[in-house]
N, C-alpha and C. Protein backbone atom coordinates (compact mmCIF):
# COMPACT_ATOMS: atom_id res chain seq x y z
N MET A 1 101.61 74.46 130.61
CA MET A 1 102.11 74.66 129.16
C MET A 1 101.14 74.75 127.88
N LYS A 2 99.89 74.61 128.27
CA LYS A 2 98.83 75.04 127.33
C LYS A 2 99.16 76.28 126.82
N GLY A 3 98.86 77.20 128.35
CA GLY A 3 99.12 78.60 127.92
C GLY A 3 99.80 79.24 127.00
N MET A 4 101.20 78.71 126.68
CA MET A 4 102.08 78.87 125.46
C MET A 4 102.02 78.34 124.74
N GLU A 5 100.91 77.72 123.78
CA GLU A 5 100.50 77.28 122.25
C GLU A 5 100.00 78.95 121.75
N PRO A 6 99.63 79.88 122.13
CA PRO A 6 98.81 80.80 121.37
C PRO A 6 100.04 81.66 121.05
N ALA A 7 101.31 81.77 122.00
CA ALA A 7 102.15 82.59 122.14
C ALA A 7 103.55 81.95 120.58
N ARG A 8 103.32 81.25 121.00
CA ARG A 8 104.04 80.03 119.90
C ARG A 8 103.81 80.09 118.73
N SER A 9 102.33 80.10 118.33
CA SER A 9 101.75 80.16 117.48
C SER A 9 101.67 81.26 116.55
N ILE A 10 101.58 82.03 117.60
CA ILE A 10 101.72 83.81 117.11
C ILE A 10 103.44 84.19 116.24
N LYS A 11 104.22 83.38 117.21
CA LYS A 11 105.48 83.90 116.55
C LYS A 11 105.76 82.82 115.59
N GLN A 12 105.51 81.68 115.45
CA GLN A 12 105.26 81.12 114.20
C GLN A 12 104.78 81.86 113.20
N SER A 13 103.61 82.54 112.98
CA SER A 13 103.05 82.86 112.32
C SER A 13 103.16 84.21 111.81
N ARG A 14 104.30 84.80 112.77
CA ARG A 14 105.16 86.29 111.78
C ARG A 14 106.35 85.44 111.48
N LEU A 15 106.76 84.24 112.05
CA LEU A 15 107.86 83.83 111.30
C LEU A 15 107.56 83.45 109.51
N SER A 16 106.51 82.90 109.50
CA SER A 16 106.15 82.17 108.58
C SER A 16 105.89 83.78 107.24
N ARG A 17 105.18 84.50 107.57
CA ARG A 17 104.82 85.88 107.33
C ARG A 17 106.36 86.48 106.51
N GLY A 18 106.97 86.84 107.61
CA GLY A 18 108.29 87.05 107.21
C GLY A 18 109.07 86.20 106.25
N ALA A 19 108.71 84.70 106.29
CA ALA A 19 109.54 84.02 105.69
C ALA A 19 108.53 84.61 103.69
N ALA A 20 107.58 84.25 103.70
CA ALA A 20 106.76 84.74 102.93
C ALA A 20 107.33 86.25 101.99
N LEU A 21 107.36 86.60 102.95
CA LEU A 21 107.97 88.46 102.23
C LEU A 21 109.22 88.08 101.80
N ALA A 22 110.38 87.91 102.24
CA ALA A 22 111.33 87.82 101.52
C ALA A 22 111.40 86.85 100.78
N ARG A 23 110.74 85.62 100.42
CA ARG A 23 110.82 84.71 98.95
C ARG A 23 109.97 86.01 97.87
N LEU A 24 109.35 86.72 98.32
CA LEU A 24 108.25 87.59 97.33
C LEU A 24 109.16 88.45 96.96
N ALA A 25 110.17 89.27 97.81
CA ALA A 25 111.25 89.81 97.80
C ALA A 25 112.48 89.25 96.71
N LEU A 26 112.53 88.14 96.78
CA LEU A 26 113.90 87.76 96.22
C LEU A 26 113.14 87.08 94.58
N ARG A 27 111.95 86.87 94.84
CA ARG A 27 111.53 86.49 93.53
C ARG A 27 111.43 87.95 92.55
N ILE A 28 111.06 88.79 92.91
CA ILE A 28 111.03 89.89 92.30
C ILE A 28 112.38 90.76 91.98
N GLY A 29 113.13 90.82 93.26
CA GLY A 29 114.40 90.98 92.68
C GLY A 29 114.78 89.93 91.66
N GLY A 30 115.11 88.81 91.86
CA GLY A 30 115.72 88.34 90.69
C GLY A 30 114.88 88.32 89.51
N ARG A 31 113.65 88.53 89.65
CA ARG A 31 113.66 88.62 88.32
C ARG A 31 114.06 89.97 87.18
N TYR A 32 114.13 90.95 88.18
CA TYR A 32 114.54 92.23 87.92
C TYR A 32 115.97 92.04 87.19
N ALA A 33 117.07 91.33 88.30
CA ALA A 33 118.55 90.99 88.03
C ALA A 33 118.57 90.49 87.03
N ALA A 34 117.59 89.53 86.06
CA ALA A 34 117.64 89.16 85.30
C ALA A 34 117.07 89.66 83.79
N ARG A 35 116.70 90.29 83.92
CA ARG A 35 116.04 91.39 82.74
C ARG A 35 117.03 92.89 82.55
N SER A 36 117.97 92.79 84.00
CA SER A 36 118.12 93.94 83.89
C SER A 36 119.74 94.54 82.35
N PRO A 37 120.06 93.08 81.95
CA PRO A 37 121.03 93.35 81.04
C PRO A 37 119.87 93.58 79.72
N ARG A 38 118.77 93.39 79.49
CA ARG A 38 118.26 93.53 77.99
C ARG A 38 117.91 95.28 78.42
N LEU A 39 117.95 95.41 79.61
CA LEU A 39 117.50 97.03 80.11
C LEU A 39 118.33 97.94 78.93
N ILE A 40 119.61 97.20 79.18
CA ILE A 40 120.83 98.22 79.04
C ILE A 40 120.44 98.18 77.58
N PHE A 41 120.71 97.13 77.11
CA PHE A 41 120.88 97.29 75.58
C PHE A 41 119.50 97.65 74.51
N ALA A 42 118.33 97.92 75.17
CA ALA A 42 117.47 98.29 74.46
C ALA A 42 116.93 98.91 73.83
N SER A 43 116.20 99.49 73.36
CA SER A 43 115.92 100.53 72.78
C SER A 43 114.86 101.43 73.88
N VAL A 44 114.16 102.62 73.57
CA VAL A 44 113.61 103.10 74.56
C VAL A 44 112.13 102.63 74.78
N ASP A 45 111.53 101.95 73.46
CA ASP A 45 110.29 101.72 73.33
C ASP A 45 110.51 100.45 74.08
N ARG A 46 111.29 99.41 73.48
CA ARG A 46 111.47 98.10 74.71
C ARG A 46 111.69 98.11 75.49
N ARG A 47 112.59 98.93 76.34
CA ARG A 47 112.80 99.48 77.48
C ARG A 47 111.28 99.57 78.51
N ARG A 48 110.65 100.18 78.14
CA ARG A 48 109.30 100.90 78.28
C ARG A 48 108.72 99.55 78.38
N ASN A 49 108.49 99.04 77.48
CA ASN A 49 107.70 97.21 77.77
C ASN A 49 108.52 96.67 78.32
N ILE A 50 109.58 96.51 78.17
CA ILE A 50 110.57 95.49 79.81
C ILE A 50 110.23 95.71 81.14
N ARG A 51 110.34 97.02 81.28
CA ARG A 51 109.56 97.88 83.01
C ARG A 51 108.41 97.32 82.71
N HIS A 52 107.51 97.63 82.32
CA HIS A 52 105.83 97.30 82.32
C HIS A 52 105.75 96.07 82.56
N ASP A 53 106.64 95.13 81.75
CA ASP A 53 106.32 93.70 82.41
C ASP A 53 106.71 93.17 83.58
N LEU A 54 107.91 93.82 83.73
CA LEU A 54 108.40 93.63 85.10
C LEU A 54 107.29 94.30 86.54
N ALA A 55 106.90 95.49 86.17
CA ALA A 55 106.03 96.05 87.15
C ALA A 55 104.54 95.03 86.82
N PHE A 56 104.10 94.40 86.19
CA PHE A 56 103.07 94.01 86.30
C PHE A 56 103.13 92.67 86.81
N ARG A 57 103.96 91.86 86.41
CA ARG A 57 104.47 90.48 86.95
C ARG A 57 104.63 90.65 88.84
N SER A 58 105.22 91.89 88.69
CA SER A 58 105.84 91.89 90.46
C SER A 58 104.35 92.09 91.21
N ALA A 59 103.31 93.33 90.32
CA ALA A 59 101.81 93.53 90.89
C ALA A 59 101.16 92.09 90.91
N GLU A 60 101.02 91.27 90.08
CA GLU A 60 100.93 89.82 89.84
C GLU A 60 101.40 88.97 91.70
N ASP A 61 102.72 88.94 91.52
CA ASP A 61 103.06 88.11 92.71
C ASP A 61 102.67 88.99 93.93
N VAL A 62 102.71 90.20 93.91
CA VAL A 62 102.15 90.80 95.19
C VAL A 62 100.54 90.89 95.50
N ALA A 63 99.94 90.25 94.93
CA ALA A 63 98.40 90.29 94.72
C ALA A 63 98.55 88.94 95.19
N GLU A 64 99.01 88.27 94.68
CA GLU A 64 98.88 86.30 95.12
C GLU A 64 99.60 86.25 96.34
N GLU A 65 100.53 86.97 96.70
CA GLU A 65 101.04 86.61 98.43
C GLU A 65 100.02 87.16 99.28
N LEU A 66 99.58 88.48 99.17
CA LEU A 66 98.53 88.90 99.40
C LEU A 66 97.24 88.23 99.97
N LEU A 67 96.90 87.73 98.91
CA LEU A 67 95.46 86.60 98.88
C LEU A 67 95.66 85.49 100.08
N ILE A 68 97.05 84.96 99.66
CA ILE A 68 97.53 84.47 100.82
C ILE A 68 97.27 84.46 101.97
N LEU A 69 97.86 85.54 102.08
CA LEU A 69 98.28 85.85 103.74
C LEU A 69 96.73 86.46 104.39
N LEU A 70 95.84 86.91 103.50
CA LEU A 70 94.15 87.06 103.66
C LEU A 70 93.76 85.91 104.22
N ALA A 71 93.87 84.95 103.62
CA ALA A 71 93.19 83.47 103.52
C ALA A 71 93.51 83.26 105.33
N ASP A 72 94.82 83.07 105.52
CA ASP A 72 95.16 82.85 106.22
C ASP A 72 94.84 83.50 107.58
N ALA A 73 94.86 84.66 107.41
CA ALA A 73 94.73 85.43 108.71
C ALA A 73 92.66 84.92 108.55
N THR A 74 92.15 85.04 107.69
CA THR A 74 90.73 84.83 107.89
C THR A 74 90.25 83.56 108.57
N LYS A 75 91.29 82.39 108.48
CA LYS A 75 91.28 81.09 109.00
C LYS A 75 91.23 81.24 110.43
N ARG A 76 92.48 82.22 110.63
CA ARG A 76 93.02 82.46 112.29
C ARG A 76 91.34 83.02 113.05
N VAL A 77 90.65 84.07 112.06
CA VAL A 77 89.85 84.62 112.65
C VAL A 77 89.09 83.83 112.86
N HIS A 78 88.69 82.85 111.92
CA HIS A 78 87.44 82.13 112.44
C HIS A 78 87.34 81.01 113.32
N ARG A 79 88.87 80.89 113.61
CA ARG A 79 89.03 79.90 114.48
C ARG A 79 88.58 80.29 116.05
N LEU A 80 89.45 81.88 116.13
CA LEU A 80 88.80 82.37 116.86
C LEU A 80 87.52 82.56 117.56
N VAL A 81 86.88 83.36 116.41
CA VAL A 81 85.21 83.19 116.83
C VAL A 81 84.63 81.85 117.35
N LEU A 82 85.30 80.73 116.63
CA LEU A 82 84.94 79.46 117.37
C LEU A 82 85.26 79.27 118.95
N LEU A 83 86.55 79.58 119.09
CA LEU A 83 87.06 79.63 120.41
C LEU A 83 86.43 80.11 121.64
N LEU A 84 85.99 81.52 120.70
CA LEU A 84 85.40 82.51 122.15
C LEU A 84 83.23 82.05 122.00
N ARG A 85 82.83 81.20 121.23
CA ARG A 85 81.51 80.78 121.25
C ARG A 85 81.65 80.03 122.66
């Protein structure tokens, strides 16, 4: 049964990455949905500012999530290197 551990670990890792991406999409979509009424009634300049703010916050969220995924991948590679020594 010990040979099954890496396969289970990979599957769990894929599931956790998928869940993280789903949370990210929900967070970005929720933020947009919350701001969409403001977009309808805002002036052109205000719409531009709201959209810019949404894009900036979305980019921050994506960057943060990518850093988390990168840290996880780095830990996995480090463990693999230690196992191969």
